[in-house]
């Protein structure tokens, strides 16, 4: 079995528990974590003893999303393009990264031959919400909070929200980045079930054990009936277009919005950036910031 630095890999009860393990950073998804998740899924795929995969996060949080704690490159305002480059270079960088880091990984998980179950507690934001929602089954603890707050500083939503929640529900939250608590996520179809936090992993592994009662070939075929059917209906094309438009969304930098965010980050770090970005949106409709 491979050794991992940013996640835990624990075989149990006919399945495997993969835990995103950067709790001090709220399991923010950096390149090392995502590469290790790819490797862990590949390892589980070839292990005949593993009938299903459960993905969760350490420290009571699934993941705060893409790791944005690093320093941004110098930008030349009002365009928001790194100094010494061009709009075309920046667009290609964003598009190629989205194709590799988001679309490629989504399609790999989507076509995975064993069920992947997302066990979500606490924050599940941005790219982490896309990870959780592209699991074949998603079970939420009663404290789970989903959202895409990255749209507030010029970034994209993902079509998986539309595919699961429907056009109007997805837009309700994708246009503002507002949070969705566990019960609202259940109501609009983002998750299968909401359980008390203390029962989250037990609920997931009881399901793993039920899956293990069915022949693995049957499980694989029935997964493909569902996932490939949605691809034939246009999901792959929608995700491919998503990658193209994601690059455009990440280039929608306006001085009146983004310059003050970058200045706040330089002065006060990530906490100041998030306060400057999210403060005007509070209170939010659901979740821990729903009250003034």
Protein backbone atom coordinates (compact mmCIF):
# COMPACT_ATOMS: atom_id res chain seq x y z
CA UNK A 1 0.00 0.00 0.00
CA UNK A 2 1.25 3.45 -0.92
CA UNK A 3 2.24 5.98 1.75
CA UNK A 4 0.36 9.28 1.69
CA UNK A 5 1.18 12.64 3.28
CA UNK A 6 -2.06 14.55 2.79
CA UNK A 7 -4.66 11.83 3.20
CA UNK A 8 -5.40 8.67 5.17
CA UNK A 9 -6.16 5.35 3.47
CA UNK A 10 -7.90 2.79 5.68
CA UNK A 11 -9.39 -0.46 4.40
CA UNK A 12 -12.40 -1.61 6.40
CA UNK A 13 -15.75 -3.39 6.11
CA UNK A 14 -15.39 -4.42 2.45
CA UNK A 15 -14.43 -0.87 1.46
CA UNK A 16 -11.86 1.84 2.02
CA UNK A 17 -12.07 5.14 3.88
CA UNK A 18 -10.07 7.91 2.19
CA UNK A 19 -9.75 10.93 4.48
CA UNK A 20 -8.55 14.31 3.23
CA UNK A 21 -6.01 15.08 5.94
CA UNK A 22 -5.00 18.74 6.07
CA UNK A 23 -7.15 19.72 9.06
CA UNK A 24 -5.13 22.85 9.95
CA UNK A 25 -5.94 24.18 6.49
CA UNK A 26 -9.56 22.93 6.66
CA UNK A 27 -8.47 20.23 4.17
CA UNK A 28 -7.99 22.86 1.47
CA UNK A 29 -7.24 21.12 -1.82
CA UNK A 30 -3.70 21.77 -3.04
CA UNK A 31 -1.92 19.91 -5.84
CA UNK A 32 -0.31 17.37 -3.50
CA UNK A 33 -3.66 16.43 -1.96
CA UNK A 34 -5.37 16.06 -5.32
CA UNK A 35 -2.52 13.99 -6.76
CA UNK A 36 -2.64 11.71 -3.73
CA UNK A 37 -6.41 11.35 -4.05
CA UNK A 38 -5.91 10.28 -7.67
CA UNK A 39 -3.34 7.70 -6.53
CA UNK A 40 -5.54 6.43 -3.70
CA UNK A 41 -8.51 5.95 -6.02
CA UNK A 42 -6.29 4.13 -8.51
CA UNK A 43 -5.07 1.84 -5.71
CA UNK A 44 -8.61 1.08 -4.56
CA UNK A 45 -9.77 0.45 -8.13
CA UNK A 46 -7.41 -2.52 -8.55
CA UNK A 47 -7.95 -4.03 -5.10
CA UNK A 48 -10.56 -6.84 -5.35
CA UNK A 49 -11.21 -6.69 -1.61
CA UNK A 50 -12.52 -3.14 -1.91
CA UNK A 51 -16.12 -2.97 -3.11
CA UNK A 52 -16.72 0.76 -2.55
CA UNK A 53 -14.88 3.93 -1.58
CA UNK A 54 -15.86 6.45 1.10
CA UNK A 55 -14.29 9.93 0.91
CA UNK A 56 -14.41 12.25 3.91
CA UNK A 57 -12.37 14.99 5.59
CA UNK A 58 -10.39 15.12 8.83
CA UNK A 59 -11.16 17.40 11.74
CA UNK A 60 -14.90 17.65 11.20
CA UNK A 61 -14.63 19.47 7.86
CA UNK A 62 -14.88 17.92 4.41
CA UNK A 63 -12.88 20.67 2.69
CA UNK A 64 -12.86 24.45 2.36
CA UNK A 65 -12.18 24.03 -1.36
CA UNK A 66 -9.27 25.08 -3.54
CA UNK A 67 -6.25 26.22 -1.54
CA UNK A 68 -6.00 29.97 -2.16
CA UNK A 69 -3.66 30.74 0.72
CA UNK A 70 -0.60 31.20 -1.50
CA UNK A 71 0.64 34.51 -2.77
CA UNK A 72 -0.90 35.80 -5.99
CA UNK A 73 1.35 36.90 -8.86
CA UNK A 74 1.82 40.62 -9.30
CA UNK A 75 -1.02 42.04 -11.32
CA UNK A 76 -1.19 45.11 -13.51
CA UNK A 77 -4.49 46.84 -12.87
CA UNK A 78 -7.05 47.54 -14.14
CA UNK A 79 -6.74 44.34 -16.15
CA UNK A 80 -5.84 41.83 -13.44
CA UNK A 81 -3.35 40.08 -15.73
CA UNK A 82 0.04 39.04 -14.27
CA UNK A 83 2.70 41.55 -15.20
CA UNK A 84 4.84 40.56 -18.16
CA UNK A 85 2.23 38.24 -19.70
CA UNK A 86 -0.82 38.60 -21.91
CA UNK A 87 -4.54 37.91 -21.75
CA UNK A 88 -4.08 34.94 -24.09
CA UNK A 89 -1.39 33.36 -21.89
CA UNK A 90 -3.53 33.74 -18.79
CA UNK A 91 -6.63 32.36 -20.50
CA UNK A 92 -4.75 29.29 -21.73
CA UNK A 93 -3.30 28.71 -18.27
CA UNK A 94 -6.73 28.76 -16.63
CA UNK A 95 -8.36 26.63 -19.35
CA UNK A 96 -5.62 23.99 -19.37
CA UNK A 97 -5.61 23.81 -15.58
CA UNK A 98 -9.39 23.36 -15.48
CA UNK A 99 -9.26 20.59 -18.09
CA UNK A 100 -6.58 18.73 -16.14
CA UNK A 101 -7.36 19.46 -12.50
CA UNK A 102 -11.17 19.65 -12.60
CA UNK A 103 -12.66 18.05 -15.72
CA UNK A 104 -10.20 15.16 -16.00
CA UNK A 105 -10.64 14.23 -12.36
CA UNK A 106 -14.43 14.61 -12.47
CA UNK A 107 -14.69 12.26 -15.43
CA UNK A 108 -12.35 9.74 -13.79
CA UNK A 109 -14.50 9.63 -10.63
CA UNK A 110 -17.70 9.67 -12.66
CA UNK A 111 -16.60 6.63 -14.67
CA UNK A 112 -15.06 4.84 -11.68
CA UNK A 113 -16.07 1.14 -11.67
CA UNK A 114 -16.84 1.02 -7.94
CA UNK A 115 -19.29 3.21 -6.02
CA UNK A 116 -17.75 6.35 -4.49
CA UNK A 117 -19.60 7.69 -1.46
CA UNK A 118 -19.03 11.23 -0.23
CA UNK A 119 -19.29 11.54 3.56
CA UNK A 120 -19.64 15.28 4.13
CA UNK A 121 -19.50 17.15 7.42
CA UNK A 122 -18.74 20.80 8.07
CA UNK A 123 -17.60 23.06 5.24
CA UNK A 124 -17.79 21.70 1.70
CA UNK A 125 -17.04 24.66 -0.53
CA UNK A 126 -16.02 25.46 -4.09
CA UNK A 127 -14.03 22.69 -5.75
CA UNK A 128 -14.66 20.50 -2.69
CA UNK A 129 -18.39 20.68 -3.37
CA UNK A 130 -17.71 19.48 -6.90
CA UNK A 131 -15.72 16.56 -5.49
CA UNK A 132 -18.48 15.64 -3.05
CA UNK A 133 -21.28 16.02 -5.60
CA UNK A 134 -19.55 13.97 -8.30
CA UNK A 135 -19.38 11.05 -5.88
CA UNK A 136 -22.02 8.51 -6.90
CA UNK A 137 -23.75 8.84 -3.53
CA UNK A 138 -23.41 11.78 -1.13
CA UNK A 139 -24.41 11.50 2.52
CA UNK A 140 -24.28 14.63 4.66
CA UNK A 141 -23.94 15.15 8.37
CA UNK A 142 -26.44 17.54 9.88
CA UNK A 143 -23.73 20.22 10.16
CA UNK A 144 -22.69 20.07 6.49
CA UNK A 145 -22.56 23.35 4.56
CA UNK A 146 -22.20 23.47 0.77
CA UNK A 147 -21.42 26.52 -1.30
CA UNK A 148 -19.42 28.12 -4.09
CA UNK A 149 -18.22 31.40 -2.56
CA UNK A 150 -15.40 31.63 -5.10
CA UNK A 151 -17.86 33.19 -7.57
CA UNK A 152 -17.66 36.33 -5.43
CA UNK A 153 -14.08 37.04 -6.45
CA UNK A 154 -14.42 36.08 -10.11
CA UNK A 155 -14.59 32.32 -10.62
CA UNK A 156 -16.94 29.70 -12.00
CA UNK A 157 -19.67 27.43 -10.79
CA UNK A 158 -19.83 23.83 -12.00
CA UNK A 159 -22.56 22.18 -14.05
CA UNK A 160 -22.87 19.33 -11.54
CA UNK A 161 -24.95 21.72 -9.42
CA UNK A 162 -27.40 22.13 -12.31
CA UNK A 163 -27.45 18.40 -13.08
CA UNK A 164 -28.36 17.54 -9.49
CA UNK A 165 -30.33 20.51 -8.15
CA UNK A 166 -32.00 21.69 -11.35
CA UNK A 167 -31.69 24.95 -13.25
CA UNK A 168 -33.45 27.32 -10.87
CA UNK A 169 -32.11 25.88 -7.62
CA UNK A 170 -28.56 25.84 -8.98
CA UNK A 171 -28.77 29.46 -10.13
CA UNK A 172 -30.20 30.53 -6.77
CA UNK A 173 -26.90 29.62 -5.14
CA UNK A 174 -24.42 29.76 -8.02
CA UNK A 175 -25.05 33.42 -8.84
CA UNK A 176 -24.34 34.62 -5.29
CA UNK A 177 -22.09 31.99 -3.72
CA UNK A 178 -24.55 31.69 -0.83
CA UNK A 179 -24.30 28.70 1.49
CA UNK A 180 -26.60 25.69 1.46
CA UNK A 181 -27.09 23.83 4.73
CA UNK A 182 -27.60 20.07 4.91
CA UNK A 183 -31.40 20.17 4.91
CA UNK A 184 -31.56 22.57 1.98
CA UNK A 185 -29.03 20.40 0.12
CA UNK A 186 -31.33 17.42 0.68
CA UNK A 187 -34.40 19.36 -0.43
CA UNK A 188 -32.90 20.42 -3.75
CA UNK A 189 -31.27 17.07 -4.52
CA UNK A 190 -27.57 17.67 -3.84
CA UNK A 191 -27.35 14.83 -1.30
CA UNK A 192 -29.04 11.49 -0.72
CA UNK A 193 -29.45 11.62 3.05
CA UNK A 194 -28.78 13.74 6.14
CA UNK A 195 -27.72 12.00 9.36
CA UNK A 196 -26.41 13.08 12.77
CA UNK A 197 -22.70 13.82 12.54
CA UNK A 198 -21.82 11.01 14.94
CA UNK A 199 -23.53 8.51 12.63
CA UNK A 200 -22.04 9.70 9.32
CA UNK A 201 -19.32 7.10 8.72
CA UNK A 202 -21.38 4.26 10.20
CA UNK A 203 -24.20 5.11 7.77
CA UNK A 204 -21.77 5.14 4.85
CA UNK A 205 -20.18 1.80 5.72
CA UNK A 206 -23.52 0.11 6.30
CA UNK A 207 -24.24 1.08 2.70
CA UNK A 208 -20.84 -0.26 1.60
CA UNK A 209 -21.69 -3.60 3.22
CA UNK A 210 -25.02 -3.72 1.41
CA UNK A 211 -23.27 -3.01 -1.89
CA UNK A 212 -20.89 -5.90 -1.14
CA UNK A 213 -23.88 -8.29 -1.12
CA UNK A 214 -24.32 -7.67 -4.86
CA UNK A 215 -21.91 -9.20 -7.43
CA UNK A 216 -19.19 -6.64 -8.30
CA UNK A 217 -19.80 -7.02 -12.03
CA UNK A 218 -23.47 -6.17 -11.53
CA UNK A 219 -22.60 -3.10 -9.48
CA UNK A 220 -20.15 -1.92 -12.15
CA UNK A 221 -22.68 -2.36 -14.96
CA UNK A 222 -25.44 -0.57 -13.07
CA UNK A 223 -23.09 2.31 -12.29
CA UNK A 224 -22.32 2.60 -15.99
CA UNK A 225 -26.01 2.49 -16.97
CA UNK A 226 -26.54 5.62 -14.88
CA UNK A 227 -23.33 7.57 -15.46
CA UNK A 228 -22.89 6.79 -19.16
CA UNK A 229 -26.57 7.46 -19.77
CA UNK A 230 -26.16 10.97 -18.40
CA UNK A 231 -23.04 11.41 -20.53
CA UNK A 232 -25.03 10.43 -23.64
CA UNK A 233 -27.66 12.99 -22.64
CA UNK A 234 -24.96 15.67 -22.76
CA UNK A 235 -23.20 15.79 -19.38
CA UNK A 236 -19.72 15.36 -20.88
CA UNK A 237 -20.36 18.13 -23.41
CA UNK A 238 -21.66 20.39 -20.66
CA UNK A 239 -18.57 19.75 -18.56
CA UNK A 240 -16.29 20.36 -21.56
CA UNK A 241 -17.97 23.71 -22.17
CA UNK A 242 -17.72 24.33 -18.42
CA UNK A 243 -13.92 24.14 -18.73
CA UNK A 244 -13.88 26.72 -21.50
CA UNK A 245 -16.19 29.12 -19.72
CA UNK A 246 -14.42 28.57 -16.38
CA UNK A 247 -11.32 30.23 -17.81
CA UNK A 248 -13.41 33.21 -18.88
CA UNK A 249 -15.02 33.43 -15.43
CA UNK A 250 -11.61 33.49 -13.75
CA UNK A 251 -10.60 36.37 -16.01
CA UNK A 252 -13.58 38.50 -14.98
CA UNK A 253 -11.45 40.70 -12.75
CA UNK A 254 -12.67 44.22 -12.13
CA UNK A 255 -10.68 46.77 -10.20
CA UNK A 256 -13.70 47.82 -8.13
CA UNK A 257 -14.08 44.24 -6.86
CA UNK A 258 -10.77 42.43 -7.04
CA UNK A 259 -8.15 45.05 -6.26
CA UNK A 260 -9.55 45.66 -2.77
CA UNK A 261 -9.60 41.89 -2.16
CA UNK A 262 -5.97 41.51 -3.16
CA UNK A 263 -4.99 44.50 -1.03
CA UNK A 264 -6.82 42.99 1.96
CA UNK A 265 -4.97 39.70 1.47
CA UNK A 266 -1.60 41.43 1.29
CA UNK A 267 -2.30 43.35 4.50
CA UNK A 268 -4.11 40.74 6.59
CA UNK A 269 -3.67 37.40 4.91
CA UNK A 270 -6.36 34.94 3.90
CA UNK A 271 -8.65 35.78 6.83
CA UNK A 272 -8.76 39.43 5.79
CA UNK A 273 -9.39 38.44 2.17
CA UNK A 274 -12.35 36.23 3.16
CA UNK A 275 -13.81 38.90 5.44
CA UNK A 276 -13.58 41.51 2.69
CA UNK A 277 -15.12 39.12 0.16
CA UNK A 278 -17.88 37.52 2.24
CA UNK A 279 -18.78 40.27 4.68
CA UNK A 280 -21.20 42.08 2.33
CA UNK A 281 -23.14 38.83 1.78
CA UNK A 282 -23.90 38.21 5.43
CA UNK A 283 -26.29 37.09 6.76
CA UNK A 284 -26.70 34.22 4.27
CA UNK A 285 -29.89 32.20 3.73
CA UNK A 286 -28.69 28.99 5.39
CA UNK A 287 -25.85 27.58 7.44
CA UNK A 288 -23.66 29.06 10.18
CA UNK A 289 -23.79 32.59 8.77
CA UNK A 290 -27.55 32.76 8.43
CA UNK A 291 -28.00 35.02 11.43
CA UNK A 292 -26.80 38.66 11.68
